[in-house]
């Protein structure tokens, strides 16, 4: 009837209205959505600030506290925290704050480097296993299960005991131990990442966008690198943060057992090893490096929880 108003919108009218509303809404990028989800995790934000302060102190600490870590002062042996030595001194009168600044660089470098090794091996093995089928997949998963069945700590101690002297002679005192610890820790931490990446590949390779790329003639390598792997990196990033914390704890354990860095390289774990004989007279010697390990690992774990929430697209912003 002319001039009458329809009681309800037609399907085309409803679609046009929704399209108009969508066009008027501001478009939010994926990075901004991830940041909003991460920001809602209060512990993750606070942990990021704490970890940022620790990293800032390690990197710029020598500029703010120029006292040498190797300066010996027999008049200040085993002193507690003071204005001259905020973290106290050790059995040679060396400043613990200066030694913690230097050792923190090594501890974090070991954690990041070992994580890179574990991620590189794990992603490669998991991606190949997830894209392949049959014997290749079975063989790679058999190797992964074999490494998972190995007792890690005894194997770590054995490998370091066997190859420590050879790498020291080839790469020097500090370089040889650093390479050995990074390779051994990273080489024994890739299995969980490989299984995680394989599960992601098995799920993503059946998605519609992968089928469309395959129909357009994309090779298996291009499907793996360009289409599937970028969509599987979210869980890998979260797992990588956990691997950094695990590597720091493992290095501290090795140093505490006397199989890590020598005394000239005072990592936080090595400082705990040196302080164990003076716990009754100088508890501060173990308190500060132990607290640094605790805060660093705890912060990294909470940041990993925040990244898990931020990279989950199912969560509402």
Protein backbone atom coordinates (compact mmCIF):
# COMPACT_ATOMS: atom_id res chain seq x y z
CA UNK A 1 0.00 0.00 0.00
CA UNK A 2 1.50 3.39 -0.93
CA UNK A 3 2.79 5.38 2.01
CA UNK A 4 2.64 2.45 4.42
CA UNK A 5 5.66 1.54 6.61
CA UNK A 6 6.72 -2.11 6.75
CA UNK A 7 6.34 -3.69 10.18
CA UNK A 8 9.77 -5.33 10.01
CA UNK A 9 12.91 -5.05 8.00
CA UNK A 10 13.44 -7.44 5.16
CA UNK A 11 16.52 -9.66 5.11
CA UNK A 12 18.26 -7.37 2.63
CA UNK A 13 17.40 -4.32 4.73
CA UNK A 14 18.76 -5.95 7.90
CA UNK A 15 22.00 -6.87 6.16
CA UNK A 16 22.38 -3.35 4.82
CA UNK A 17 21.77 -1.92 8.30
CA UNK A 18 24.36 -4.20 9.85
CA UNK A 19 26.87 -3.33 7.12
CA UNK A 20 26.27 0.37 7.76
CA UNK A 21 26.76 -0.06 11.52
CA UNK A 22 29.94 -2.05 10.94
CA UNK A 23 31.30 0.65 8.64
CA UNK A 24 30.60 3.31 11.27
CA UNK A 25 32.35 1.38 14.08
CA UNK A 26 36.07 2.14 14.53
CA UNK A 27 38.22 -0.75 13.39
CA UNK A 28 40.50 -2.12 16.11
CA UNK A 29 43.75 -3.80 15.07
CA UNK A 30 44.70 -7.24 16.30
CA UNK A 31 47.68 -5.83 18.19
CA UNK A 32 45.46 -3.37 20.03
CA UNK A 33 43.01 -6.13 20.92
CA UNK A 34 45.86 -8.28 22.25
CA UNK A 35 47.17 -5.36 24.30
CA UNK A 36 43.71 -4.75 25.79
CA UNK A 37 43.42 -8.39 26.79
CA UNK A 38 46.93 -8.37 28.25
CA UNK A 39 46.22 -5.16 30.17
CA UNK A 40 43.30 -6.79 31.94
CA UNK A 41 45.69 -9.30 33.52
CA UNK A 42 46.90 -7.18 36.45
CA UNK A 43 49.53 -9.63 37.64
CA UNK A 44 50.99 -9.85 34.14
CA UNK A 45 51.24 -6.06 33.87
CA UNK A 46 52.85 -5.80 37.32
CA UNK A 47 55.24 -8.63 36.44
CA UNK A 48 56.21 -6.88 33.21
CA UNK A 49 57.10 -3.79 35.22
CA UNK A 50 59.14 -5.84 37.71
CA UNK A 51 60.96 -7.70 34.94
CA UNK A 52 61.56 -4.41 33.13
CA UNK A 53 63.16 -2.96 36.27
CA UNK A 54 65.35 -6.04 36.67
CA UNK A 55 66.49 -5.88 33.04
CA UNK A 56 67.06 -2.13 33.31
CA UNK A 57 69.18 -2.64 36.42
CA UNK A 58 71.21 -5.38 34.76
CA UNK A 59 71.83 -3.43 31.56
CA UNK A 60 72.42 0.03 33.00
CA UNK A 61 73.57 -1.01 36.46
CA UNK A 62 77.29 -0.42 35.83
CA UNK A 63 76.51 3.20 34.93
CA UNK A 64 74.52 3.71 38.13
CA UNK A 65 76.80 1.62 40.37
CA UNK A 66 80.33 1.79 38.94
CA UNK A 67 82.00 -0.17 41.74
CA UNK A 68 84.01 -3.10 40.35
CA UNK A 69 82.73 -6.57 41.10
CA UNK A 70 86.28 -7.94 41.52
CA UNK A 71 87.55 -5.26 43.89
CA UNK A 72 88.72 -6.96 47.09
CA UNK A 73 88.39 -5.24 50.45
CA UNK A 74 89.58 -7.36 53.37
CA UNK A 75 88.31 -4.70 55.77
CA UNK A 76 84.71 -5.31 54.67
CA UNK A 77 84.51 -9.10 54.71
CA UNK A 78 80.99 -10.55 55.06
CA UNK A 79 79.42 -7.21 55.90
CA UNK A 80 75.67 -6.82 55.78
CA UNK A 81 73.78 -4.28 53.65
CA UNK A 82 74.97 -0.71 54.14
CA UNK A 83 75.22 2.55 52.24
CA UNK A 84 78.66 1.59 50.95
CA UNK A 85 77.48 -1.91 49.96
CA UNK A 86 73.65 -2.02 49.57
CA UNK A 87 73.61 -5.81 49.17
CA UNK A 88 76.57 -6.51 51.51
CA UNK A 89 79.85 -8.21 50.72
CA UNK A 90 81.21 -11.75 50.35
CA UNK A 91 84.12 -13.56 51.99
CA UNK A 92 86.65 -11.44 50.06
CA UNK A 93 84.92 -8.13 50.70
CA UNK A 94 83.63 -7.93 47.11
CA UNK A 95 80.46 -5.91 46.53
CA UNK A 96 77.49 -8.21 46.01
CA UNK A 97 75.43 -5.63 44.13
CA UNK A 98 78.11 -5.25 41.47
CA UNK A 99 78.46 -9.03 41.22
CA UNK A 100 74.70 -9.49 40.93
CA UNK A 101 74.52 -6.95 38.12
CA UNK A 102 77.20 -8.81 36.18
CA UNK A 103 75.82 -12.26 37.01
CA UNK A 104 72.30 -11.26 36.06
CA UNK A 105 73.43 -10.62 32.51
CA UNK A 106 74.78 -14.14 32.25
CA UNK A 107 71.71 -15.74 33.85
CA UNK A 108 69.27 -13.94 31.55
CA UNK A 109 71.50 -14.51 28.51
CA UNK A 110 71.56 -18.24 29.26
CA UNK A 111 67.77 -18.25 29.65
CA UNK A 112 67.09 -16.43 26.38
CA UNK A 113 69.71 -18.37 24.38
CA UNK A 114 68.56 -21.76 25.70
CA UNK A 115 64.96 -20.79 24.90
CA UNK A 116 65.99 -19.90 21.35
CA UNK A 117 67.63 -23.31 20.91
CA UNK A 118 64.61 -25.14 22.33
CA UNK A 119 62.15 -23.13 20.21
CA UNK A 120 64.20 -23.60 17.04
CA UNK A 121 64.44 -27.37 17.43
CA UNK A 122 60.91 -27.81 18.76
CA UNK A 123 59.20 -25.73 16.07
CA UNK A 124 61.18 -27.44 13.30
CA UNK A 125 60.44 -30.95 14.53
CA UNK A 126 56.79 -30.17 15.32
CA UNK A 127 56.15 -28.44 11.99
CA UNK A 128 57.67 -31.24 9.93
CA UNK A 129 55.84 -33.86 11.95
CA UNK A 130 52.53 -31.99 11.71
CA UNK A 131 52.74 -31.54 7.95
CA UNK A 132 54.08 -35.00 7.21
CA UNK A 133 52.28 -38.26 7.74
CA UNK A 134 53.05 -41.92 8.08
CA UNK A 135 56.60 -42.94 8.81
CA UNK A 136 58.08 -39.44 9.08
CA UNK A 137 55.56 -38.37 11.70
CA UNK A 138 55.93 -41.63 13.60
CA UNK A 139 59.73 -41.45 13.57
CA UNK A 140 59.87 -37.85 14.77
CA UNK A 141 57.37 -38.51 17.55
CA UNK A 142 59.31 -41.62 18.54
CA UNK A 143 62.46 -39.50 18.91
CA UNK A 144 60.49 -36.91 20.88
CA UNK A 145 59.11 -39.55 23.23
CA UNK A 146 62.62 -40.96 23.62
CA UNK A 147 63.98 -37.60 24.76
CA UNK A 148 61.00 -37.15 27.09
CA UNK A 149 61.80 -40.47 28.75
CA UNK A 150 65.39 -39.50 29.53
CA UNK A 151 66.16 -38.29 33.09
CA UNK A 152 67.11 -34.70 32.40
CA UNK A 153 69.13 -33.68 35.44
CA UNK A 154 71.45 -36.73 35.49
CA UNK A 155 71.90 -36.40 31.72
CA UNK A 156 72.69 -32.69 32.11
CA UNK A 157 75.33 -33.47 34.72
CA UNK A 158 76.83 -36.23 32.57
CA UNK A 159 77.07 -34.11 29.40
CA UNK A 160 78.60 -31.17 31.23
CA UNK A 161 81.10 -33.45 32.97
CA UNK A 162 82.12 -35.07 29.64
CA UNK A 163 82.42 -31.98 27.42
CA UNK A 164 83.27 -29.18 29.84
CA UNK A 165 87.05 -29.40 29.57
CA UNK A 166 87.06 -29.78 25.77
CA UNK A 167 84.89 -26.70 25.22
CA UNK A 168 86.88 -24.70 27.75
CA UNK A 169 90.04 -25.43 25.78
CA UNK A 170 88.37 -24.56 22.47
CA UNK A 171 86.29 -21.49 23.38
CA UNK A 172 87.83 -20.22 26.59
CA UNK A 173 86.76 -20.43 30.21
CA UNK A 174 83.53 -18.45 29.99
CA UNK A 175 82.61 -19.00 26.34
CA UNK A 176 82.96 -22.77 26.50
CA UNK A 177 80.77 -23.12 29.59
CA UNK A 178 78.19 -20.71 28.15
CA UNK A 179 77.87 -22.61 24.86
CA UNK A 180 77.78 -25.97 26.63
CA UNK A 181 75.08 -24.95 29.12
CA UNK A 182 72.94 -23.28 26.44
CA UNK A 183 73.14 -26.22 24.03
CA UNK A 184 72.57 -28.83 26.72
CA UNK A 185 69.63 -27.04 28.35
CA UNK A 186 68.04 -26.06 25.04
CA UNK A 187 68.68 -29.51 23.57
CA UNK A 188 66.75 -31.15 26.40
CA UNK A 189 63.81 -28.72 26.54
CA UNK A 190 62.41 -28.81 22.99
CA UNK A 191 60.14 -31.85 23.27
CA UNK A 192 57.07 -30.18 24.76
CA UNK A 193 57.29 -27.42 22.14
CA UNK A 194 57.51 -30.00 19.36
CA UNK A 195 54.36 -31.76 20.57
CA UNK A 196 52.57 -28.43 20.94
CA UNK A 197 53.47 -27.29 17.42
CA UNK A 198 52.53 -30.66 15.97
CA UNK A 199 49.08 -30.46 17.59
CA UNK A 200 48.60 -26.95 16.22
CA UNK A 201 49.59 -28.07 12.72
CA UNK A 202 47.28 -31.06 12.80
CA UNK A 203 44.40 -28.75 13.68
CA UNK A 204 45.22 -25.88 11.31
CA UNK A 205 46.06 -27.86 8.19
CA UNK A 206 42.39 -28.83 7.82
CA UNK A 207 41.08 -25.26 8.03
CA UNK A 208 39.36 -23.58 5.11
CA UNK A 209 42.08 -21.00 4.43
CA UNK A 210 44.68 -23.77 4.14
CA UNK A 211 42.44 -25.72 1.77
CA UNK A 212 41.95 -22.57 -0.31
CA UNK A 213 45.71 -21.98 -0.51
CA UNK A 214 46.25 -25.62 -1.45
CA UNK A 215 43.61 -25.34 -4.18
CA UNK A 216 45.43 -22.31 -5.58
CA UNK A 217 48.56 -24.40 -6.01
CA UNK A 218 50.59 -23.53 -2.89
CA UNK A 219 53.36 -26.01 -2.17
CA UNK A 220 53.61 -27.86 1.12
CA UNK A 221 56.55 -25.72 2.23
CA UNK A 222 54.63 -22.51 1.48
CA UNK A 223 51.58 -23.81 3.33
CA UNK A 224 53.75 -24.59 6.33
CA UNK A 225 55.72 -21.33 6.43
CA UNK A 226 53.23 -18.75 5.13
CA UNK A 227 49.84 -20.01 6.25
CA UNK A 228 50.01 -22.48 9.15
CA UNK A 229 53.08 -21.46 11.17
CA UNK A 230 52.06 -17.79 11.72
CA UNK A 231 48.71 -18.97 13.08
CA UNK A 232 50.41 -21.44 15.43
CA UNK A 233 52.84 -18.96 17.00
CA UNK A 234 50.50 -17.82 19.80
CA UNK A 235 50.90 -20.92 21.99
CA UNK A 236 54.58 -21.09 21.03
CA UNK A 237 55.21 -17.57 22.34
CA UNK A 238 53.51 -18.44 25.63
CA UNK A 239 55.53 -21.65 25.96
CA UNK A 240 58.73 -19.76 25.13
CA UNK A 241 58.34 -17.50 28.15
CA UNK A 242 58.05 -20.56 30.36
CA UNK A 243 61.19 -22.02 28.77
CA UNK A 244 63.17 -18.88 29.68
CA UNK A 245 62.18 -19.33 33.33
CA UNK A 246 63.00 -23.05 33.23
CA UNK A 247 66.40 -22.36 31.68
CA UNK A 248 67.26 -19.82 34.39
CA UNK A 249 66.30 -22.31 37.10
CA UNK A 250 68.28 -25.10 35.42
CA UNK A 251 71.38 -22.92 35.08
CA UNK A 252 71.06 -21.89 38.71
CA UNK A 253 70.76 -25.55 39.70
CA UNK A 254 73.89 -26.49 37.76
CA UNK A 255 75.83 -23.57 39.22
CA UNK A 256 74.62 -24.43 42.72
CA UNK A 257 75.91 -27.97 42.21
CA UNK A 258 79.30 -26.57 41.16
CA UNK A 259 79.01 -27.66 37.50
CA UNK A 260 78.11 -24.31 35.99
CA UNK A 261 80.18 -21.18 35.55
CA UNK A 262 83.46 -20.75 37.44
CA UNK A 263 83.75 -18.29 40.38
CA UNK A 264 85.02 -15.54 38.04
CA UNK A 265 81.55 -15.48 36.44
CA UNK A 266 79.19 -14.85 39.38
CA UNK A 267 75.83 -15.94 38.05
CA UNK A 268 72.99 -15.89 40.55
CA UNK A 269 73.18 -19.66 40.94
CA UNK A 270 76.94 -19.53 41.43
CA UNK A 271 76.51 -16.92 44.14
CA UNK A 272 74.12 -19.26 45.96
CA UNK A 273 76.71 -22.02 45.69
CA UNK A 274 79.41 -19.78 47.16
CA UNK A 275 77.10 -18.56 49.95
CA UNK A 276 75.98 -21.95 51.24
CA UNK A 277 78.92 -22.20 53.66
CA UNK A 278 78.21 -18.80 55.22
CA UNK A 279 74.45 -18.96 55.75
CA UNK A 280 74.79 -18.68 59.52
CA UNK A 281 77.01 -15.58 59.51
CA UNK A 282 76.05 -13.88 56.23
CA UNK A 283 72.50 -14.84 55.18
CA UNK A 284 72.29 -11.76 52.96
CA UNK A 285 74.76 -13.36 50.58
CA UNK A 286 72.17 -15.99 49.61
CA UNK A 287 69.08 -13.85 50.17
CA UNK A 288 69.63 -11.32 47.39
CA UNK A 289 70.56 -13.64 44.49
CA UNK A 290 67.86 -16.08 45.60
CA UNK A 291 65.30 -13.25 45.60
CA UNK A 292 66.48 -12.16 42.14
CA UNK A 293 65.94 -15.67 40.76
CA UNK A 294 62.54 -15.90 42.46
CA UNK A 295 61.30 -12.54 41.19
CA UNK A 296 62.60 -13.08 37.66
CA UNK A 297 61.09 -16.55 37.26
CA UNK A 298 57.80 -15.51 38.88
CA UNK A 299 57.53 -12.44 36.66
CA UNK A 300 58.20 -14.44 33.51
CA UNK A 301 55.57 -17.01 34.48
CA UNK A 302 52.92 -14.34 35.08
CA UNK A 303 53.84 -12.64 31.81
CA UNK A 304 53.32 -16.00 30.10
CA UNK A 305 49.85 -16.23 31.65
CA UNK A 306 49.05 -12.73 30.40
CA UNK A 307 50.28 -13.54 26.90
CA UNK A 308 48.15 -16.68 26.88
CA UNK A 309 45.06 -14.56 27.56
CA UNK A 310 46.14 -11.83 25.13
CA UNK A 311 46.76 -14.21 22.23
CA UNK A 312 43.52 -16.13 22.73
CA UNK A 313 41.08 -14.78 20.10
CA UNK A 314 38.11 -16.37 21.86
CA UNK A 315 38.39 -13.97 24.77
CA UNK A 316 36.22 -10.89 24.56
CA UNK A 317 38.02 -7.56 24.76
